[in-house]
C-alpha atoms as a PDB file:
ATOM      1  CA  LYS A   1       2.096  21.670  41.711  1.00  0.00           C
ATOM      2  CA  TYR A   2       2.991  19.389  38.717  1.00  0.00           C
ATOM      3  CA  THR A   3       5.590  16.860  39.773  1.00  0.00           C
ATOM      4  CA  LYS A   4       2.603  14.510  41.103  1.00  0.00           C
ATOM      5  CA  PHE A   5       0.213  13.089  38.202  1.00  0.00           C
ATOM      6  CA  SER A   6      -1.388  10.146  36.826  1.00  0.00           C
ATOM      7  CA  ILE A   7      -1.806   8.513  33.645  1.00  0.00           C
ATOM      8  CA  CYS A   8      -4.827   6.798  32.358  1.00  0.00           C
ATOM      9  CA  TYR A   9      -5.058   4.658  29.246  1.00  0.00           C
ATOM     10  CA  TYR A  10      -8.441   3.495  28.375  1.00  0.00           C
ATOM     11  CA  TRP A  11     -10.581   3.021  24.902  1.00  0.00           C
ATOM     12  CA  ILE A  12     -14.198   3.820  24.313  1.00  0.00           C
ATOM     13  CA  ASN A  13     -15.978   1.139  22.163  1.00  0.00           C
ATOM     14  CA  SER A  14     -18.446   1.634  19.224  1.00  0.00           C
ATOM     15  CA  LEU A  15     -21.170   1.905  22.195  1.00  0.00           C
ATOM     16  CA  ASP A  16     -19.518   4.650  23.210  1.00  0.00           C
ATOM     17  CA  GLN A  17     -18.883   2.963  26.412  1.00  0.00           C
ATOM     18  CA  LYS A  18     -15.268   3.554  28.382  1.00  0.00           C
ATOM     19  CA  THR A  19     -13.476   1.081  29.516  1.00  0.00           C
ATOM     20  CA  SER A  20     -10.122   1.559  31.788  1.00  0.00           C
ATOM     21  CA  ILE A  21      -6.774  -0.507  30.940  1.00  0.00           C
ATOM     22  CA  TYR A  22      -4.154   0.886  32.638  1.00  0.00           C
ATOM     23  CA  ASN A  23      -3.544   3.872  35.476  1.00  0.00           C
ATOM     24  CA  ARG A  24      -0.571   4.596  37.370  1.00  0.00           C
ATOM     25  CA  SER A  25       0.398   7.532  39.317  1.00  0.00           C
ATOM     26  CA  GLU A  26       3.843   9.418  38.973  1.00  0.00           C
ATOM     27  CA  ASN A  27       5.614  11.597  41.582  1.00  0.00           C
ATOM     28  CA  VAL A  28       8.647  12.984  39.294  1.00  0.00           C
ATOM     29  CA  ALA A  29      11.652  14.615  41.156  1.00  0.00           C
ATOM     30  CA  ILE A  30      12.792  17.820  39.759  1.00  0.00           C
ATOM     31  CA  PRO A  31      16.537  17.918  39.095  1.00  0.00           C
ATOM     32  CA  TYR A  32      18.379  21.120  40.844  1.00  0.00           C
ATOM     33  CA  GLY A  33      18.786  24.244  39.018  1.00  0.00           C
ATOM     34  CA  GLU A  34      15.534  23.201  36.492  1.00  0.00           C
ATOM     35  CA  GLU A  35      12.792  24.045  38.914  1.00  0.00           C
ATOM     36  CA  ASN A  36      10.877  26.812  36.330  1.00  0.00           C
ATOM     37  CA  LYS A  37      11.950  24.811  32.813  1.00  0.00           C
ATOM     38  CA  THR A  38       9.738  22.680  31.133  1.00  0.00           C
ATOM     39  CA  ALA A  39       9.888  18.687  30.888  1.00  0.00           C
ATOM     40  CA  ALA A  40       8.453  16.459  28.439  1.00  0.00           C
ATOM     41  CA  LEU A  41       8.629  13.082  29.661  1.00  0.00           C
ATOM     42  CA  SER A  42       7.537   9.637  27.942  1.00  0.00           C
ATOM     43  CA  TYR A  43       5.747   7.237  28.776  1.00  0.00           C
ATOM     44  CA  ASP A  44       4.766   4.148  26.925  1.00  0.00           C
ATOM     45  CA  TYR A  45       2.294   1.467  27.346  1.00  0.00           C
ATOM     46  CA  ARG A  46       1.785  -1.610  24.924  1.00  0.00           C
ATOM     47  CA  ILE A  47      -1.620  -3.264  24.218  1.00  0.00           C
ATOM     48  CA  MET A  48      -1.104  -7.081  24.860  1.00  0.00           C
ATOM     49  CA  LEU A  49      -2.700  -9.391  22.200  1.00  0.00           C
ATOM     50  CA  LEU A  50      -6.643  -8.052  21.645  1.00  0.00           C
ATOM     51  CA  GLU A  51      -8.675 -10.822  22.733  1.00  0.00           C
ATOM     52  CA  ASN A  52     -11.475 -10.647  20.164  1.00  0.00           C
ATOM     53  CA  THR A  53     -13.015  -8.155  17.913  1.00  0.00           C
ATOM     54  CA  SER A  54     -14.743  -6.684  20.807  1.00  0.00           C
ATOM     55  CA  SER A  55     -11.450  -5.004  21.212  1.00  0.00           C
ATOM     56  CA  THR A  56     -12.099  -2.936  18.452  1.00  0.00           C
ATOM     57  CA  GLY A  57     -12.321   1.004  19.249  1.00  0.00           C
ATOM     58  CA  THR A  58      -9.918   4.038  19.813  1.00  0.00           C
ATOM     59  CA  TYR A  59      -7.551   3.949  22.384  1.00  0.00           C
ATOM     60  CA  TYR A  60      -6.350   7.007  24.642  1.00  0.00           C
ATOM     61  CA  CYS A  61      -3.855   8.279  27.137  1.00  0.00           C
ATOM     62  CA  GLU A  62      -5.110  11.232  29.548  1.00  0.00           C
ATOM     63  CA  VAL A  63      -3.061  12.909  32.234  1.00  0.00           C
ATOM     64  CA  LYS A  64      -4.661  14.453  35.345  1.00  0.00           C
ATOM     65  CA  TRP A  65      -2.813  17.263  37.369  1.00  0.00           C
ATOM     66  CA  ASN A  66      -4.569  18.493  40.417  1.00  0.00           C
ATOM     67  CA  ASP A  67      -7.069  20.770  38.537  1.00  0.00           C
ATOM     68  CA  ILE A  68      -5.460  20.330  34.965  1.00  0.00           C
ATOM     69  CA  LYS A  69      -6.556  17.029  32.360  1.00  0.00           C
ATOM     70  CA  LYS A  70      -5.138  16.622  29.268  1.00  0.00           C
ATOM     71  CA  MET A  71      -5.511  13.752  26.526  1.00  0.00           C
ATOM     72  CA  GLY A  72      -4.470  12.402  23.495  1.00  0.00           C
ATOM     73  CA  LYS A  73      -6.088  12.418  20.479  1.00  0.00           C
ATOM     74  CA  GLY A  74      -6.560   8.396  20.421  1.00  0.00           C
ATOM     75  CA  VAL A  75      -5.319   6.117  18.172  1.00  0.00           C
ATOM     76  CA  PHE A  76      -8.279   3.940  16.522  1.00  0.00           C
ATOM     77  CA  VAL A  77      -7.942   0.105  16.441  1.00  0.00           C
ATOM     78  CA  LEU A  78      -9.718  -2.344  14.411  1.00  0.00           C
ATOM     79  CA  ALA A  79      -9.616  -5.884  15.576  1.00  0.00           C
ATOM     80  CA  ARG A  80     -10.681  -8.818  13.197  1.00  0.00           C
ATOM     81  CA  ASP A  81     -11.349 -12.591  13.791  1.00  0.00           C
ATOM     82  CA  THR A  82      -8.495 -13.678  11.328  1.00  0.00           C
ATOM     83  CA  GLY A  83      -6.298 -10.872  10.623  1.00  0.00           C
ATOM     84  CA  TYR A  84      -5.060  -9.794   7.208  1.00  0.00           C
ATOM     85  CA  ILE A  85      -4.606 -12.548   4.593  1.00  0.00           C
ATOM     86  CA  GLU A  86      -2.944 -11.389   1.680  1.00  0.00           C
ATOM     87  CA  SER A  87      -4.778 -13.126  -1.422  1.00  0.00           C
ATOM     88  CA  SER A  88      -2.800 -15.337  -3.993  1.00  0.00           C
ATOM     89  CA  TYR A  89      -5.275 -14.185  -6.682  1.00  0.00           C
ATOM     90  CA  GLY A  90      -2.490 -11.885  -8.583  1.00  0.00           C
ATOM     91  CA  TRP A  91      -0.859 -14.861 -10.122  1.00  0.00           C
ATOM     92  CA  GLU A  92      -3.913 -16.375 -11.523  1.00  0.00           C
ATOM     93  CA  ILE A  93      -5.387 -13.165 -12.497  1.00  0.00           C
ATOM     94  CA  LEU A  94      -2.189 -12.159 -14.797  1.00  0.00           C
ATOM     95  CA  ILE A  95      -1.850 -15.888 -16.161  1.00  0.00           C
ATOM     96  CA  ALA A  96      -6.133 -15.529 -17.547  1.00  0.00           C
ATOM     97  CA  LEU A  97      -4.938 -12.132 -18.829  1.00  0.00           C
ATOM     98  CA  THR A  98      -2.238 -13.364 -20.724  1.00  0.00           C
ATOM     99  CA  VAL A  99      -4.023 -15.941 -21.999  1.00  0.00           C
ATOM    100  CA  LEU A 100      -7.109 -13.828 -23.098  1.00  0.00           C
ATOM    101  CA  LEU A 101      -5.018 -11.311 -24.852  1.00  0.00           C
ATOM    102  CA  ALA A 102      -3.001 -14.302 -26.517  1.00  0.00           C
ATOM    103  CA  VAL A 103      -6.612 -15.714 -27.798  1.00  0.00           C
ATOM    104  CA  LEU A 104      -7.824 -12.237 -28.938  1.00  0.00           C
ATOM    105  CA  SER A 105      -4.384 -11.742 -30.645  1.00  0.00           C
ATOM    106  CA  ILE A 106      -4.452 -14.850 -32.614  1.00  0.00           C
ATOM    107  CA  THR A 107      -8.087 -14.560 -33.572  1.00  0.00           C
ATOM    108  CA  ALA A 108      -7.567 -10.951 -34.809  1.00  0.00           C
ATOM    109  CA  THR A 109      -4.557 -12.023 -36.401  1.00  0.00           C
ATOM    110  CA  ALA A 110      -6.652 -15.108 -38.153  1.00  0.00           C
ATOM    111  CA  LEU A 111      -9.498 -12.722 -39.509  1.00  0.00           C
ATOM    112  CA  LEU A 112      -6.897 -10.179 -40.851  1.00  0.00           C
ATOM    113  CA  LEU A 113      -5.406 -13.195 -42.887  1.00  0.00           C
ATOM    114  CA  TRP A 114      -8.868 -14.400 -43.747  1.00  0.00           C
ATOM    115  CA  LYS A 115     -10.038 -11.126 -45.102  1.00  0.00           C
ATOM    116  CA  ARG A 116      -7.375 -10.614 -47.404  1.00  0.00           C
ATOM    117  CA  LYS A 117      -8.232 -13.907 -49.002  1.00  0.00           C
END
C-alpha cells in the first residue's frame, strides 16, 4: 500500500497562488525481510537559478499515498534583483570616527592647558 507514492514540489507566492515546480511518482521495492519495518528515504530537489524577484515565496514538498498526504513546513526564499552586496562603509566609518576622536582629544588638551595659564 505504501510503496507507491508521488512527490510534488511547489511554491506559494505572496498572493497565495500555488505554482507546481516538479512532480514525480515512485514505486519502491521492499527488500525481503523488511516488510513490516519503517523506512525513511531522502529525495532532494535543487531549485535552479531564480529568474526574477517574483520567485519570492515559500517552497514546499508534499508526498501523497493513496489516502494520505504529508506536507513539509516549507522554506521561505527571498529573491532580490542584485543579490547581497556587502557595503564598503566599514573602513570609512572607522577612519572618520578616529579622526573625530583625535580632534576632540587635541581640543580638550588645548583647553585644559589654556585654562591652567
